[in-house]
PDB file of N, CA and C in Angstrom:
ATOM      1  N   MET A   1     -52.247  48.128   4.305  1.00  0.00           N
ATOM      2  CA  MET A   1     -52.336  46.758   4.728  1.00  0.00           C
ATOM      3  C   MET A   1     -51.128  46.002   4.203  1.00  0.00           C
ATOM      4  N   GLY A   2     -50.563  45.207   5.039  1.00  0.00           N
ATOM      5  CA  GLY A   2     -49.412  44.425   4.632  1.00  0.00           C
ATOM      6  C   GLY A   2     -48.120  45.199   4.784  1.00  0.00           C
ATOM      7  N   ARG A   3     -47.094  44.606   4.335  1.00  0.00           N
ATOM      8  CA  ARG A   3     -45.755  45.157   4.456  1.00  0.00           C
ATOM      9  C   ARG A   3     -45.422  46.026   3.238  1.00  0.00           C
ATOM     10  N   PRO A   4     -44.776  47.176   3.440  1.00  0.00           N
ATOM     11  CA  PRO A   4     -44.389  48.008   2.296  1.00  0.00           C
ATOM     12  C   PRO A   4     -43.249  47.351   1.519  1.00  0.00           C
ATOM     13  N   PRO A   5     -43.077  47.698   0.263  1.00  0.00           N
ATOM     14  CA  PRO A   5     -41.984  47.128  -0.524  1.00  0.00           C
ATOM     15  C   PRO A   5     -40.630  47.409   0.119  1.00  0.00           C
ATOM     16  N   CYS A   6     -39.684  46.506  -0.095  1.00  0.00           N
ATOM     17  CA  CYS A   6     -38.382  46.624   0.562  1.00  0.00           C
ATOM     18  C   CYS A   6     -37.569  47.792   0.011  1.00  0.00           C
ATOM     19  N   CYS A   7     -37.864  48.257  -1.183  1.00  0.00           N
ATOM     20  CA  CYS A   7     -37.030  49.273  -1.824  1.00  0.00           C
ATOM     21  C   CYS A   7     -37.599  50.680  -1.707  1.00  0.00           C
ATOM     22  N   ASP A   8     -38.513  50.918  -0.777  1.00  0.00           N
ATOM     23  CA  ASP A   8     -39.064  52.257  -0.589  1.00  0.00           C
ATOM     24  C   ASP A   8     -38.163  53.147   0.256  1.00  0.00           C
ATOM     25  N   LYS A   9     -37.043  52.634   0.701  1.00  0.00           N
ATOM     26  CA  LYS A   9     -36.141  53.415   1.534  1.00  0.00           C
ATOM     27  C   LYS A   9     -35.467  54.503   0.705  1.00  0.00           C
ATOM     28  N   VAL A  10     -35.149  55.601   1.338  1.00  0.00           N
ATOM     29  CA  VAL A  10     -34.488  56.712   0.662  1.00  0.00           C
ATOM     30  C   VAL A  10     -33.058  56.311   0.320  1.00  0.00           C
ATOM     31  N   GLY A  11     -32.637  56.598  -0.897  1.00  0.00           N
ATOM     32  CA  GLY A  11     -31.266  56.314  -1.307  1.00  0.00           C
ATOM     33  C   GLY A  11     -31.060  54.943  -1.903  1.00  0.00           C
ATOM     34  N   ILE A  12     -32.095  54.127  -1.956  1.00  0.00           N
ATOM     35  CA  ILE A  12     -31.973  52.800  -2.546  1.00  0.00           C
ATOM     36  C   ILE A  12     -32.133  52.934  -4.056  1.00  0.00           C
ATOM     37  N   LYS A  13     -31.182  52.353  -4.779  1.00  0.00           N
ATOM     38  CA  LYS A  13     -31.179  52.445  -6.233  1.00  0.00           C
ATOM     39  C   LYS A  13     -32.108  51.397  -6.826  1.00  0.00           C
ATOM     40  N   LYS A  14     -32.868  51.794  -7.826  1.00  0.00           N
ATOM     41  CA  LYS A  14     -33.738  50.887  -8.562  1.00  0.00           C
ATOM     42  C   LYS A  14     -33.280  50.873 -10.011  1.00  0.00           C
ATOM     43  N   GLY A  15     -33.753  49.926 -10.760  1.00  0.00           N
ATOM     44  CA  GLY A  15     -33.440  49.884 -12.177  1.00  0.00           C
ATOM     45  C   GLY A  15     -32.342  48.893 -12.510  1.00  0.00           C
ATOM     46  N   PRO A  16     -31.832  48.983 -13.733  1.00  0.00           N
ATOM     47  CA  PRO A  16     -30.850  47.993 -14.192  1.00  0.00           C
ATOM     48  C   PRO A  16     -29.547  48.049 -13.412  1.00  0.00           C
ATOM     49  N   TRP A  17     -28.922  46.891 -13.280  1.00  0.00           N
ATOM     50  CA  TRP A  17     -27.631  46.780 -12.604  1.00  0.00           C
ATOM     51  C   TRP A  17     -26.525  47.161 -13.573  1.00  0.00           C
ATOM     52  N   THR A  18     -25.499  47.803 -13.065  1.00  0.00           N
ATOM     53  CA  THR A  18     -24.330  48.137 -13.876  1.00  0.00           C
ATOM     54  C   THR A  18     -23.315  47.001 -13.781  1.00  0.00           C
ATOM     55  N   PRO A  19     -22.421  46.895 -14.765  1.00  0.00           N
ATOM     56  CA  PRO A  19     -21.366  45.876 -14.678  1.00  0.00           C
ATOM     57  C   PRO A  19     -20.498  46.035 -13.427  1.00  0.00           C
ATOM     58  N   GLU A  20     -20.282  47.261 -12.980  1.00  0.00           N
ATOM     59  CA  GLU A  20     -19.486  47.499 -11.772  1.00  0.00           C
ATOM     60  C   GLU A  20     -20.182  46.919 -10.538  1.00  0.00           C
ATOM     61  N   GLU A  21     -21.494  47.098 -10.454  1.00  0.00           N
ATOM     62  CA  GLU A  21     -22.252  46.532  -9.333  1.00  0.00           C
ATOM     63  C   GLU A  21     -22.199  45.005  -9.362  1.00  0.00           C
ATOM     64  N   ASP A  22     -22.286  44.434 -10.560  1.00  0.00           N
ATOM     65  CA  ASP A  22     -22.191  42.977 -10.691  1.00  0.00           C
ATOM     66  C   ASP A  22     -20.851  42.468 -10.176  1.00  0.00           C
ATOM     67  N   ILE A  23     -19.777  43.147 -10.527  1.00  0.00           N
ATOM     68  CA  ILE A  23     -18.435  42.742 -10.093  1.00  0.00           C
ATOM     69  C   ILE A  23     -18.329  42.806  -8.572  1.00  0.00           C
ATOM     70  N   ILE A  24     -18.839  43.872  -7.984  1.00  0.00           N
ATOM     71  CA  ILE A  24     -18.800  44.024  -6.526  1.00  0.00           C
ATOM     72  C   ILE A  24     -19.576  42.896  -5.855  1.00  0.00           C
ATOM     73  N   LEU A  25     -20.773  42.606  -6.364  1.00  0.00           N
ATOM     74  CA  LEU A  25     -21.603  41.560  -5.770  1.00  0.00           C
ATOM     75  C   LEU A  25     -20.950  40.185  -5.910  1.00  0.00           C
ATOM     76  N   VAL A  26     -20.441  39.866  -7.092  1.00  0.00           N
ATOM     77  CA  VAL A  26     -19.817  38.559  -7.317  1.00  0.00           C
ATOM     78  C   VAL A  26     -18.592  38.383  -6.429  1.00  0.00           C
ATOM     79  N   SER A  27     -17.757  39.401  -6.343  1.00  0.00           N
ATOM     80  CA  SER A  27     -16.547  39.267  -5.527  1.00  0.00           C
ATOM     81  C   SER A  27     -16.899  39.098  -4.047  1.00  0.00           C
ATOM     82  N   TYR A  28     -17.920  39.796  -3.574  1.00  0.00           N
ATOM     83  CA  TYR A  28     -18.332  39.650  -2.175  1.00  0.00           C
ATOM     84  C   TYR A  28     -18.869  38.241  -1.906  1.00  0.00           C
ATOM     85  N   ILE A  29     -19.709  37.743  -2.799  1.00  0.00           N
ATOM     86  CA  ILE A  29     -20.299  36.418  -2.606  1.00  0.00           C
ATOM     87  C   ILE A  29     -19.228  35.332  -2.705  1.00  0.00           C
ATOM     88  N   GLN A  30     -18.262  35.492  -3.593  1.00  0.00           N
ATOM     89  CA  GLN A  30     -17.187  34.504  -3.703  1.00  0.00           C
ATOM     90  C   GLN A  30     -16.345  34.467  -2.434  1.00  0.00           C
ATOM     91  N   GLU A  31     -16.178  35.604  -1.807  1.00  0.00           N
ATOM     92  CA  GLU A  31     -15.373  35.666  -0.585  1.00  0.00           C
ATOM     93  C   GLU A  31     -16.142  35.198   0.646  1.00  0.00           C
ATOM     94  N   HIS A  32     -17.417  35.606   0.762  1.00  0.00           N
ATOM     95  CA  HIS A  32     -18.180  35.357   1.989  1.00  0.00           C
ATOM     96  C   HIS A  32     -19.266  34.295   1.847  1.00  0.00           C
ATOM     97  N   GLY A  33     -19.616  33.931   0.627  1.00  0.00           N
ATOM     98  CA  GLY A  33     -20.664  32.940   0.414  1.00  0.00           C
ATOM     99  C   GLY A  33     -22.049  33.564   0.417  1.00  0.00           C
ATOM    100  N   PRO A  34     -23.011  32.865  -0.196  1.00  0.00           N
ATOM    101  CA  PRO A  34     -24.377  33.395  -0.278  1.00  0.00           C
ATOM    102  C   PRO A  34     -25.186  33.049   0.963  1.00  0.00           C
ATOM    103  N   GLY A  35     -24.920  33.704   2.048  1.00  0.00           N
ATOM    104  CA  GLY A  35     -25.600  33.367   3.290  1.00  0.00           C
ATOM    105  C   GLY A  35     -26.494  34.465   3.801  1.00  0.00           C
ATOM    106  N   ASN A  36     -25.919  35.453   4.417  1.00  0.00           N
ATOM    107  CA  ASN A  36     -26.671  36.528   5.053  1.00  0.00           C
ATOM    108  C   ASN A  36     -26.852  37.682   4.067  1.00  0.00           C
ATOM    109  N   TRP A  37     -27.990  37.700   3.374  1.00  0.00           N
ATOM    110  CA  TRP A  37     -28.214  38.714   2.340  1.00  0.00           C
ATOM    111  C   TRP A  37     -28.429  40.103   2.928  1.00  0.00           C
ATOM    112  N   ARG A  38     -28.842  40.195   4.175  1.00  0.00           N
ATOM    113  CA  ARG A  38     -29.038  41.504   4.815  1.00  0.00           C
ATOM    114  C   ARG A  38     -27.729  42.265   4.934  1.00  0.00           C
ATOM    115  N   SER A  39     -26.626  41.542   5.083  1.00  0.00           N
ATOM    116  CA  SER A  39     -25.332  42.198   5.266  1.00  0.00           C
ATOM    117  C   SER A  39     -24.675  42.606   3.951  1.00  0.00           C
ATOM    118  N   VAL A  40     -25.146  42.090   2.831  1.00  0.00           N
ATOM    119  CA  VAL A  40     -24.488  42.357   1.546  1.00  0.00           C
ATOM    120  C   VAL A  40     -24.473  43.847   1.198  1.00  0.00           C
ATOM    121  N   PRO A  41     -25.612  44.543   1.173  1.00  0.00           N
ATOM    122  CA  PRO A  41     -25.556  45.961   0.808  1.00  0.00           C
ATOM    123  C   PRO A  41     -24.758  46.802   1.803  1.00  0.00           C
ATOM    124  N   ILE A  42     -24.802  46.442   3.068  1.00  0.00           N
ATOM    125  CA  ILE A  42     -24.085  47.202   4.096  1.00  0.00           C
ATOM    126  C   ILE A  42     -22.581  47.042   3.921  1.00  0.00           C
ATOM    127  N   ASN A  43     -22.130  45.802   3.737  1.00  0.00           N
ATOM    128  CA  ASN A  43     -20.695  45.525   3.664  1.00  0.00           C
ATOM    129  C   ASN A  43     -20.065  45.862   2.319  1.00  0.00           C
ATOM    130  N   THR A  44     -20.856  45.881   1.252  1.00  0.00           N
ATOM    131  CA  THR A  44     -20.301  46.160  -0.074  1.00  0.00           C
ATOM    132  C   THR A  44     -20.412  47.624  -0.465  1.00  0.00           C
ATOM    133  N   GLY A  45     -21.318  48.337   0.164  1.00  0.00           N
ATOM    134  CA  GLY A  45     -21.548  49.720  -0.224  1.00  0.00           C
ATOM    135  C   GLY A  45     -22.504  49.854  -1.397  1.00  0.00           C
ATOM    136  N   LEU A  46     -23.099  48.744  -1.828  1.00  0.00           N
ATOM    137  CA  LEU A  46     -24.082  48.812  -2.911  1.00  0.00           C
ATOM    138  C   LEU A  46     -25.329  49.532  -2.413  1.00  0.00           C
ATOM    139  N   MET A  47     -25.859  50.394  -3.207  1.00  0.00           N
ATOM    140  CA  MET A  47     -27.074  51.117  -2.843  1.00  0.00           C
ATOM    141  C   MET A  47     -28.298  50.352  -3.348  1.00  0.00           C
ATOM    142  N   ARG A  48     -28.346  49.071  -3.015  1.00  0.00           N
ATOM    143  CA  ARG A  48     -29.445  48.184  -3.390  1.00  0.00           C
ATOM    144  C   ARG A  48     -29.982  47.523  -2.131  1.00  0.00           C
ATOM    145  N   CYS A  49     -31.233  47.092  -2.180  1.00  0.00           N
ATOM    146  CA  CYS A  49     -31.777  46.370  -1.030  1.00  0.00           C
ATOM    147  C   CYS A  49     -31.275  44.928  -1.059  1.00  0.00           C
ATOM    148  N   SER A  50     -31.361  44.267   0.061  1.00  0.00           N
ATOM    149  CA  SER A  50     -30.856  42.899   0.173  1.00  0.00           C
ATOM    150  C   SER A  50     -31.606  41.946  -0.753  1.00  0.00           C
ATOM    151  N   LYS A  51     -32.892  42.174  -0.941  1.00  0.00           N
ATOM    152  CA  LYS A  51     -33.675  41.319  -1.830  1.00  0.00           C
ATOM    153  C   LYS A  51     -33.196  41.455  -3.265  1.00  0.00           C
ATOM    154  N   SER A  52     -32.885  42.663  -3.685  1.00  0.00           N
ATOM    155  CA  SER A  52     -32.383  42.894  -5.031  1.00  0.00           C
ATOM    156  C   SER A  52     -31.047  42.194  -5.246  1.00  0.00           C
ATOM    157  N   CYS A  53     -30.174  42.232  -4.251  1.00  0.00           N
ATOM    158  CA  CYS A  53     -28.876  41.549  -4.334  1.00  0.00           C
ATOM    159  C   CYS A  53     -29.070  40.043  -4.440  1.00  0.00           C
ATOM    160  N   ARG A  54     -29.955  39.510  -3.612  1.00  0.00           N
ATOM    161  CA  ARG A  54     -30.210  38.063  -3.632  1.00  0.00           C
ATOM    162  C   ARG A  54     -30.772  37.614  -4.975  1.00  0.00           C
ATOM    163  N   LEU A  55     -31.733  38.339  -5.505  1.00  0.00           N
ATOM    164  CA  LEU A  55     -32.334  37.957  -6.777  1.00  0.00           C
ATOM    165  C   LEU A  55     -31.358  38.108  -7.941  1.00  0.00           C
ATOM    166  N   ARG A  56     -30.520  39.130  -7.896  1.00  0.00           N
ATOM    167  CA  ARG A  56     -29.519  39.308  -8.950  1.00  0.00           C
ATOM    168  C   ARG A  56     -28.557  38.128  -8.964  1.00  0.00           C
ATOM    169  N   TRP A  57     -28.113  37.704  -7.781  1.00  0.00           N
ATOM    170  CA  TRP A  57     -27.197  36.565  -7.687  1.00  0.00           C
ATOM    171  C   TRP A  57     -27.889  35.278  -8.147  1.00  0.00           C
ATOM    172  N   THR A  58     -29.077  35.036  -7.639  1.00  0.00           N
ATOM    173  CA  THR A  58     -29.777  33.784  -7.910  1.00  0.00           C
ATOM    174  C   THR A  58     -30.160  33.634  -9.377  1.00  0.00           C
ATOM    175  N   ASN A  59     -30.611  34.704  -9.997  1.00  0.00           N
ATOM    176  CA  ASN A  59     -31.161  34.607 -11.345  1.00  0.00           C
ATOM    177  C   ASN A  59     -30.188  34.929 -12.468  1.00  0.00           C
ATOM    178  N   TYR A  60     -29.077  35.624 -12.174  1.00  0.00           N
ATOM    179  CA  TYR A  60     -28.203  36.066 -13.258  1.00  0.00           C
ATOM    180  C   TYR A  60     -26.727  35.766 -13.053  1.00  0.00           C
ATOM    181  N   LEU A  61     -26.214  35.847 -11.849  1.00  0.00           N
ATOM    182  CA  LEU A  61     -24.767  35.808 -11.636  1.00  0.00           C
ATOM    183  C   LEU A  61     -24.253  34.494 -11.065  1.00  0.00           C
ATOM    184  N   ARG A  62     -25.109  33.677 -10.542  1.00  0.00           N
ATOM    185  CA  ARG A  62     -24.703  32.423  -9.896  1.00  0.00           C
ATOM    186  C   ARG A  62     -23.992  31.516 -10.896  1.00  0.00           C
ATOM    187  N   PRO A  63     -22.854  30.919 -10.498  1.00  0.00           N
ATOM    188  CA  PRO A  63     -22.173  29.987 -11.401  1.00  0.00           C
ATOM    189  C   PRO A  63     -23.050  28.758 -11.663  1.00  0.00           C
ATOM    190  N   GLY A  64     -22.969  28.250 -12.865  1.00  0.00           N
ATOM    191  CA  GLY A  64     -23.731  27.055 -13.213  1.00  0.00           C
ATOM    192  C   GLY A  64     -25.145  27.328 -13.669  1.00  0.00           C
ATOM    193  N   ILE A  65     -25.535  28.589 -13.740  1.00  0.00           N
ATOM    194  CA  ILE A  65     -26.882  28.906 -14.190  1.00  0.00           C
ATOM    195  C   ILE A  65     -26.951  28.676 -15.701  1.00  0.00           C
ATOM    196  N   ARG A  66     -28.032  28.080 -16.147  1.00  0.00           N
ATOM    197  CA  ARG A  66     -28.193  27.774 -17.569  1.00  0.00           C
ATOM    198  C   ARG A  66     -28.956  28.899 -18.236  1.00  0.00           C
ATOM    199  N   ARG A  67     -28.474  29.299 -19.397  1.00  0.00           N
ATOM    200  CA  ARG A  67     -29.116  30.374 -20.153  1.00  0.00           C
ATOM    201  C   ARG A  67     -29.531  29.854 -21.520  1.00  0.00           C
ATOM    202  N   GLY A  68     -30.434  30.553 -22.149  1.00  0.00           N
ATOM    203  CA  GLY A  68     -30.817  30.211 -23.511  1.00  0.00           C
ATOM    204  C   GLY A  68     -31.978  29.229 -23.560  1.00  0.00           C
ATOM    205  N   ASN A  69     -32.209  28.733 -24.773  1.00  0.00           N
ATOM    206  CA  ASN A  69     -33.321  27.823 -25.003  1.00  0.00           C
ATOM    207  C   ASN A  69     -33.012  26.436 -24.453  1.00  0.00           C
ATOM    208  N   PHE A  70     -34.061  25.685 -24.203  1.00  0.00           N
ATOM    209  CA  PHE A  70     -33.902  24.307 -23.772  1.00  0.00           C
ATOM    210  C   PHE A  70     -33.362  23.478 -24.926  1.00  0.00           C
ATOM    211  N   THR A  71     -32.432  22.593 -24.636  1.00  0.00           N
ATOM    212  CA  THR A  71     -31.992  21.611 -25.621  1.00  0.00           C
ATOM    213  C   THR A  71     -33.003  20.473 -25.587  1.00  0.00           C
ATOM    214  N   PRO A  72     -33.063  19.645 -26.628  1.00  0.00           N
ATOM    215  CA  PRO A  72     -34.018  18.520 -26.590  1.00  0.00           C
ATOM    216  C   PRO A  72     -33.823  17.625 -25.367  1.00  0.00           C
ATOM    217  N   THR A  73     -32.591  17.443 -24.915  1.00  0.00           N
ATOM    218  CA  THR A  73     -32.324  16.615 -23.736  1.00  0.00           C
ATOM    219  C   THR A  73     -32.896  17.262 -22.486  1.00  0.00           C
ATOM    220  N   ARG A  74     -32.659  18.557 -22.303  1.00  0.00           N
ATOM    221  CA  ARG A  74     -33.173  19.264 -21.122  1.00  0.00           C
ATOM    222  C   ARG A  74     -34.688  19.317 -21.137  1.00  0.00           C
ATOM    223  N   LYS A  75     -35.274  19.515 -22.326  1.00  0.00           N
ATOM    224  CA  LYS A  75     -36.728  19.592 -22.425  1.00  0.00           C
ATOM    225  C   LYS A  75     -37.349  18.253 -22.038  1.00  0.00           C
ATOM    226  N   ALA A  76     -36.771  17.155 -22.502  1.00  0.00           N
ATOM    227  CA  ALA A  76     -37.301  15.828 -22.187  1.00  0.00           C
ATOM    228  C   ALA A  76     -37.147  15.520 -20.702  1.00  0.00           C
ATOM    229  N   SER A  77     -36.008  15.872 -20.126  1.00  0.00           N
ATOM    230  CA  SER A  77     -35.802  15.565 -18.710  1.00  0.00           C
ATOM    231  C   SER A  77     -36.695  16.409 -17.818  1.00  0.00           C
ATOM    232  N   SER A  78     -36.972  17.649 -18.214  1.00  0.00           N
ATOM    233  CA  SER A  78     -37.832  18.486 -17.380  1.00  0.00           C
ATOM    234  C   SER A  78     -39.287  18.054 -17.482  1.00  0.00           C
ATOM    235  N   SER A  79     -39.702  17.515 -18.623  1.00  0.00           N
ATOM    236  CA  SER A  79     -41.093  17.092 -18.753  1.00  0.00           C
ATOM    237  C   SER A  79     -41.341  15.748 -18.081  1.00  0.00           C
ATOM    238  N   THR A  80     -40.319  14.895 -17.988  1.00  0.00           N
ATOM    239  CA  THR A  80     -40.513  13.598 -17.344  1.00  0.00           C
ATOM    240  C   THR A  80     -40.425  13.688 -15.832  1.00  0.00           C
ATOM    241  N   SER A  81     -39.809  14.742 -15.312  1.00  0.00           N
ATOM    242  CA  SER A  81     -39.670  14.859 -13.863  1.00  0.00           C
ATOM    243  C   SER A  81     -40.927  15.408 -13.194  1.00  0.00           C
ATOM    244  N   SER A  82     -41.867  15.880 -13.975  1.00  0.00           N
ATOM    245  CA  SER A  82     -43.091  16.440 -13.420  1.00  0.00           C
ATOM    246  C   SER A  82     -44.039  15.328 -12.971  1.00  0.00           C
ATOM    247  N   PRO A  83     -44.640  15.461 -11.790  1.00  0.00           N
ATOM    248  CA  PRO A  83     -45.542  14.414 -11.308  1.00  0.00           C
ATOM    249  C   PRO A  83     -46.892  14.403 -12.019  1.00  0.00           C
ATOM    250  N   CYS A  84     -47.225  15.445 -12.771  1.00  0.00           N
ATOM    251  CA  CYS A  84     -48.542  15.521 -13.410  1.00  0.00           C
ATOM    252  C   CYS A  84     -48.612  14.748 -14.694  1.00  0.00           C
TER     253      CYS A  84
END
């Protein structure tokens, strides 16, 4: 029932990303932009599914992403922006 996972295809790599894969993904996105994620694995030669590429970019490699603990300023601004 439902749709099978996207990474059940033969030859799709699972597990941690290597620094080389990160470099390939970042350079492709910088050149072409984060638009059509289906084309990323095909055009780069990465043996990853498109969802894995998108999540890697969004959660780890995207410029401007904040890492680490919340500063008191960020914590206060995030708690005041909540409607609850």
